[in-house]
């Protein structure tokens, strides 16, 4: 069995930073985690990718083509569609290209897929889900990691917006899902205290803050209350705050994702027998009291 984290989120939410820090954290623990770059517009990241989509197609290829002339958003969609259509290239990079399931593939192969920052690819378009289905057919067990910048989640309206985006990705991708608040290490002490209110939110109080005092809030009170009830009653969305400067924070998040993926559960339990200490016949043996 192989394992994959599909790392998605809005542009600038810290996906590549998450991948590089998680890979380094695993290396420090003598564990091998690889990263695959599937962002055709990426310019810089702090990891060496196992596979890079830019070797197949670059965003500039779609934008500068004389027939296509796509803009940035249309170009990203085209590049992901091109990747799905040329799935044999990706399979050759990840699996060696055999048509049949690899019998000799490494056990516990663990890969992070660094995805583009165009959120529409995962909220309502089909390419993200098609990629997951391909990986599952190649013996990957997958989990979606949805990254949100914590700096934009410290007031009620933005919290609701981020929550609805997370719900859209969950509904569209139909995969095990973890929501991560990134860049917590960049928050001020006051902002961190404010953020704690939204990690286990009292949605009824939160909705009250949004609906009182503004004409817009009063007009859409029922809609806002319905959204709050959805979040509260079904416990659909919870966020995990990530501080990349804190090794314990990285460990806790990786442990949670590993548990979702059932990583390591098929491993054999290592049993070691301990022999009784040998007693020198020439010495008097005094048993421990």
Protein backbone atom coordinates (compact mmCIF):
# COMPACT_ATOMS: atom_id res chain seq x y z
CA UNK A 1 0.00 0.00 0.00
CA UNK A 2 1.16 3.52 -0.86
CA UNK A 3 0.03 6.74 0.82
CA UNK A 4 -0.63 10.26 -0.47
CA UNK A 5 -1.54 13.65 0.93
CA UNK A 6 -3.28 15.87 -1.64
CA UNK A 7 -2.27 19.36 -0.42
CA UNK A 8 -4.75 21.97 -1.67
CA UNK A 9 -5.78 25.50 -0.72
CA UNK A 10 -6.00 29.08 -2.01
CA UNK A 11 -2.99 30.80 -3.53
CA UNK A 12 -0.53 31.93 -0.87
CA UNK A 13 -1.97 29.69 1.84
CA UNK A 14 1.39 28.00 2.49
CA UNK A 15 1.02 24.69 0.64
CA UNK A 16 4.61 24.49 -0.59
CA UNK A 17 5.94 25.61 2.79
CA UNK A 18 3.81 22.91 4.42
CA UNK A 19 5.24 20.27 2.08
CA UNK A 20 8.88 21.28 2.60
CA UNK A 21 8.55 21.50 6.39
CA UNK A 22 6.67 18.21 6.65
CA UNK A 23 9.32 16.50 4.51
CA UNK A 24 12.13 17.94 6.67
CA UNK A 25 10.31 16.92 9.85
CA UNK A 26 10.03 13.36 8.52
CA UNK A 27 13.73 13.30 7.60
CA UNK A 28 14.63 14.40 11.13
CA UNK A 29 12.66 11.41 12.36
CA UNK A 30 14.45 9.08 9.90
CA UNK A 31 11.34 8.68 7.80
CA UNK A 32 11.12 9.10 4.03
CA UNK A 33 8.42 11.41 2.62
CA UNK A 34 8.63 12.56 -1.00
CA UNK A 35 7.00 15.60 -2.59
CA UNK A 36 5.51 15.86 -6.09
CA UNK A 37 4.94 19.32 -7.58
CA UNK A 38 1.72 19.48 -9.62
CA UNK A 39 1.60 23.29 -9.82
CA UNK A 40 2.55 24.27 -13.39
CA UNK A 41 2.89 27.92 -12.31
CA UNK A 42 5.31 27.30 -9.44
CA UNK A 43 8.44 29.43 -9.50
CA UNK A 44 10.20 28.57 -6.24
CA UNK A 45 9.94 26.02 -3.45
CA UNK A 46 12.31 24.71 -0.79
CA UNK A 47 12.17 21.02 -1.66
CA UNK A 48 13.53 18.85 -4.45
CA UNK A 49 10.45 17.31 -6.11
CA UNK A 50 10.28 13.62 -6.89
CA UNK A 51 8.27 14.59 -9.98
CA UNK A 52 7.55 18.04 -11.44
CA UNK A 53 4.59 18.74 -13.74
CA UNK A 54 6.62 21.54 -15.35
CA UNK A 55 8.65 18.84 -17.11
CA UNK A 56 5.39 17.89 -18.88
CA UNK A 57 3.73 21.30 -19.26
CA UNK A 58 4.29 24.79 -17.87
CA UNK A 59 1.64 27.48 -17.40
CA UNK A 60 3.52 29.66 -19.89
CA UNK A 61 3.00 26.97 -22.52
CA UNK A 62 -0.77 27.42 -22.27
CA UNK A 63 -0.67 31.22 -22.03
CA UNK A 64 1.77 31.85 -24.88
CA UNK A 65 0.44 29.29 -27.35
CA UNK A 66 -0.75 31.05 -30.51
CA UNK A 67 -3.98 29.05 -30.65
CA UNK A 68 -4.81 28.82 -26.94
CA UNK A 69 -3.94 32.23 -25.49
CA UNK A 70 -5.30 31.30 -22.07
CA UNK A 71 -5.16 33.63 -19.11
CA UNK A 72 -3.65 32.46 -15.80
CA UNK A 73 -6.82 30.78 -14.50
CA UNK A 74 -7.78 29.12 -17.77
CA UNK A 75 -4.15 28.07 -18.25
CA UNK A 76 -4.06 26.26 -14.90
CA UNK A 77 -7.25 24.39 -15.73
CA UNK A 78 -5.84 23.41 -19.13
CA UNK A 79 -2.57 22.19 -17.56
CA UNK A 80 -4.41 19.93 -15.07
CA UNK A 81 -6.63 18.58 -17.85
CA UNK A 82 -3.49 17.93 -19.92
CA UNK A 83 -1.97 16.03 -17.00
CA UNK A 84 -5.05 13.82 -16.64
CA UNK A 85 -5.08 13.14 -20.39
CA UNK A 86 -1.36 12.23 -20.22
CA UNK A 87 -1.68 10.07 -17.13
CA UNK A 88 0.85 7.58 -18.51
CA UNK A 89 3.57 10.19 -17.97
CA UNK A 90 2.60 10.59 -14.31
CA UNK A 91 2.30 6.85 -13.84
CA UNK A 92 5.77 6.34 -15.30
CA UNK A 93 7.14 8.88 -12.82
CA UNK A 94 5.41 7.35 -9.80
CA UNK A 95 5.08 3.67 -10.63
CA UNK A 96 7.50 2.90 -13.43
CA UNK A 97 4.76 2.83 -16.06
CA UNK A 98 3.67 -0.81 -15.86
CA UNK A 99 0.08 -1.46 -16.85
CA UNK A 100 -0.28 -4.02 -14.10
CA UNK A 101 -0.10 -3.28 -10.38
CA UNK A 102 3.51 -3.24 -9.27
CA UNK A 103 4.25 -6.25 -7.12
CA UNK A 104 7.64 -4.99 -6.02
CA UNK A 105 6.75 -1.38 -5.17
CA UNK A 106 8.13 -0.02 -1.92
CA UNK A 107 6.08 -0.63 1.20
CA UNK A 108 4.72 2.49 2.87
CA UNK A 109 5.67 4.76 -0.05
CA UNK A 110 4.51 8.19 1.20
CA UNK A 111 4.10 11.20 -1.12
CA UNK A 112 2.82 14.76 -0.71
CA UNK A 113 1.22 16.24 -3.85
CA UNK A 114 1.68 20.02 -3.93
CA UNK A 115 -1.32 21.27 -5.92
CA UNK A 116 -2.04 24.60 -7.70
CA UNK A 117 -3.56 27.46 -5.72
CA UNK A 118 -6.63 27.83 -7.92
CA UNK A 119 -9.36 26.78 -5.51
CA UNK A 120 -11.97 26.18 -8.26
CA UNK A 121 -10.03 23.07 -9.29
CA UNK A 122 -11.15 21.43 -6.05
CA UNK A 123 -14.40 23.14 -5.09
CA UNK A 124 -16.45 22.35 -8.21
CA UNK A 125 -14.30 21.23 -11.16
CA UNK A 126 -13.57 17.54 -11.69
CA UNK A 127 -9.80 17.42 -12.23
CA UNK A 128 -8.94 17.10 -8.54
CA UNK A 129 -11.28 14.17 -8.07
CA UNK A 130 -10.01 12.53 -11.27
CA UNK A 131 -6.44 12.76 -9.99
CA UNK A 132 -7.45 11.08 -6.72
CA UNK A 133 -9.18 8.28 -8.64
CA UNK A 134 -6.00 7.74 -10.69
CA UNK A 135 -3.88 7.52 -7.55
CA UNK A 136 -6.30 5.06 -5.97
CA UNK A 137 -6.07 2.87 -9.08
CA UNK A 138 -2.27 2.91 -8.58
CA UNK A 139 -2.61 1.53 -5.05
CA UNK A 140 -2.47 4.86 -3.20
CA UNK A 141 -4.52 5.56 -0.09
CA UNK A 142 -5.27 9.30 -0.11
CA UNK A 143 -6.17 12.14 2.24
CA UNK A 144 -6.92 15.76 1.27
CA UNK A 145 -5.08 18.41 3.32
CA UNK A 146 -6.82 21.77 2.90
CA UNK A 147 -4.61 24.73 3.89
CA UNK A 148 -5.97 28.12 4.94
CA UNK A 149 -3.95 31.14 6.01
CA UNK A 150 -4.69 31.72 9.71
CA UNK A 151 -3.98 35.45 9.30
CA UNK A 152 -7.29 35.74 7.43
CA UNK A 153 -9.30 33.64 9.88
CA UNK A 154 -9.43 35.92 12.91
CA UNK A 155 -12.88 37.44 12.39
CA UNK A 156 -16.32 35.90 12.06
CA UNK A 157 -17.07 36.70 8.42
CA UNK A 158 -13.76 35.31 7.17
CA UNK A 159 -14.15 32.23 9.38
CA UNK A 160 -17.52 31.48 7.76
CA UNK A 161 -16.03 32.06 4.30
CA UNK A 162 -13.12 29.70 4.99
CA UNK A 163 -15.46 27.10 6.48
CA UNK A 164 -17.70 27.14 3.41
CA UNK A 165 -14.65 26.78 1.13
CA UNK A 166 -13.53 23.77 3.18
CA UNK A 167 -17.02 22.25 2.93
CA UNK A 168 -17.02 22.74 -0.85
CA UNK A 169 -13.70 20.90 -1.20
CA UNK A 170 -14.92 18.09 1.09
CA UNK A 171 -18.12 17.64 -0.91
CA UNK A 172 -16.40 17.75 -4.31
CA UNK A 173 -13.37 15.58 -3.56
CA UNK A 174 -15.23 12.94 -1.47
CA UNK A 175 -12.07 11.94 0.38
CA UNK A 176 -10.84 11.84 3.98
CA UNK A 177 -10.11 15.45 4.79
CA UNK A 178 -8.03 17.55 7.21
CA UNK A 179 -8.29 21.35 7.46
CA UNK A 180 -5.03 23.07 8.44
CA UNK A 181 -4.61 26.69 9.55
CA UNK A 182 -1.13 27.64 8.36
CA UNK A 183 1.19 30.51 9.35
CA UNK A 184 0.17 30.44 13.00
CA UNK A 185 3.82 31.22 13.75
CA UNK A 186 3.35 34.62 12.08
CA UNK A 187 0.41 35.70 14.25
CA UNK A 188 0.78 38.18 17.09
CA UNK A 189 -0.07 37.06 20.62
CA UNK A 190 -3.38 38.93 20.43
CA UNK A 191 -4.27 37.37 17.07
CA UNK A 192 -3.45 33.87 18.38
CA UNK A 193 -5.79 34.43 21.30
CA UNK A 194 -8.49 35.60 18.88
CA UNK A 195 -7.89 32.55 16.67
CA UNK A 196 -8.58 30.18 19.57
CA UNK A 197 -12.19 31.38 19.57
CA UNK A 198 -12.63 29.87 16.10
CA UNK A 199 -10.96 26.50 16.67
CA UNK A 200 -13.90 25.33 18.81
CA UNK A 201 -16.41 28.04 17.89
CA UNK A 202 -19.73 28.80 19.54
CA UNK A 203 -21.48 29.31 16.22
CA UNK A 204 -24.64 30.80 17.72
CA UNK A 205 -22.67 33.63 19.31
CA UNK A 206 -20.64 33.95 16.13
CA UNK A 207 -23.77 34.29 14.03
CA UNK A 208 -25.07 36.93 16.42
CA UNK A 209 -21.95 39.02 15.83
CA UNK A 210 -22.46 38.81 12.07
CA UNK A 211 -26.18 39.61 11.99
CA UNK A 212 -26.39 42.49 14.47
CA UNK A 213 -25.60 46.08 13.56
CA UNK A 214 -25.52 45.95 9.74
CA UNK A 215 -28.23 46.10 7.13
CA UNK A 216 -26.68 43.19 5.24
CA UNK A 217 -26.54 41.07 8.39
CA UNK A 218 -30.18 41.76 9.24
CA UNK A 219 -31.31 41.04 5.68
CA UNK A 220 -29.56 37.65 5.51
CA UNK A 221 -30.02 36.66 9.14
CA UNK A 222 -31.86 33.41 8.35
CA UNK A 223 -29.22 32.32 5.84
CA UNK A 224 -26.42 33.07 8.28
CA UNK A 225 -28.18 31.18 11.08
CA UNK A 226 -28.75 28.19 8.75
CA UNK A 227 -25.02 28.09 7.89
CA UNK A 228 -24.15 28.26 11.59
CA UNK A 229 -26.55 25.43 12.43
CA UNK A 230 -25.05 23.29 9.65
CA UNK A 231 -21.55 23.75 11.05
CA UNK A 232 -22.62 23.27 14.67
CA UNK A 233 -25.12 20.42 14.42
CA UNK A 234 -23.13 18.13 12.14
CA UNK A 235 -19.57 19.00 13.29
CA UNK A 236 -18.51 18.98 9.65
CA UNK A 237 -15.53 21.32 9.86
CA UNK A 238 -12.70 21.52 12.39
CA UNK A 239 -9.37 23.26 11.90
CA UNK A 240 -5.89 22.15 13.00
CA UNK A 241 -3.55 25.09 13.75
CA UNK A 242 -0.03 24.51 12.44
CA UNK A 243 3.06 26.27 13.77
CA UNK A 244 5.99 25.19 11.60
CA UNK A 245 8.45 26.40 14.23
CA UNK A 246 7.03 23.89 16.73
CA UNK A 247 8.13 20.28 16.16
CA UNK A 248 5.32 19.04 18.39
CA UNK A 249 2.75 20.82 16.23
CA UNK A 250 4.16 19.13 13.11
CA UNK A 251 4.24 15.74 14.87
CA UNK A 252 0.64 16.02 16.06
CA UNK A 253 -0.63 16.92 12.60
CA UNK A 254 1.34 14.15 10.88
CA UNK A 255 0.09 11.66 13.46
CA UNK A 256 -3.51 12.70 12.79
CA UNK A 257 -3.12 12.34 9.02
CA UNK A 258 -1.28 9.02 9.40
CA UNK A 259 -4.18 7.76 11.50
CA UNK A 260 -6.67 8.76 8.80
CA UNK A 261 -4.55 7.04 6.13
CA UNK A 262 -4.01 4.01 8.41
CA UNK A 263 -0.31 4.43 7.74
CA UNK A 264 1.83 1.75 9.39
CA UNK A 265 -1.09 -0.35 10.61
CA UNK A 266 -0.10 -3.23 8.32
CA UNK A 267 3.44 -3.29 9.63
CA UNK A 268 4.57 -6.35 11.55
CA UNK A 269 4.87 -5.91 15.27
CA UNK A 270 8.51 -6.22 16.27
CA UNK A 271 8.90 -8.59 19.21
CA UNK A 272 12.16 -8.95 21.04
CA UNK A 273 12.80 -11.69 23.61
CA UNK A 274 14.99 -10.86 26.55
CA UNK A 275 17.06 -13.69 28.02
CA UNK A 276 17.54 -14.06 31.72
CA UNK A 277 20.98 -12.79 32.79
CA UNK A 278 23.56 -15.52 33.08
CA UNK A 279 24.85 -16.26 36.56
CA UNK A 280 28.52 -17.02 37.11
CA UNK A 281 28.68 -20.29 39.04
CA UNK A 282 31.80 -19.08 40.86
CA UNK A 283 29.94 -16.14 42.35
CA UNK A 284 27.23 -16.16 44.94
CA UNK A 285 23.90 -15.22 43.41
CA UNK A 286 21.85 -12.80 45.41
CA UNK A 287 18.34 -12.36 44.00
CA UNK A 288 16.88 -8.88 43.83
CA UNK A 289 14.62 -8.06 46.74
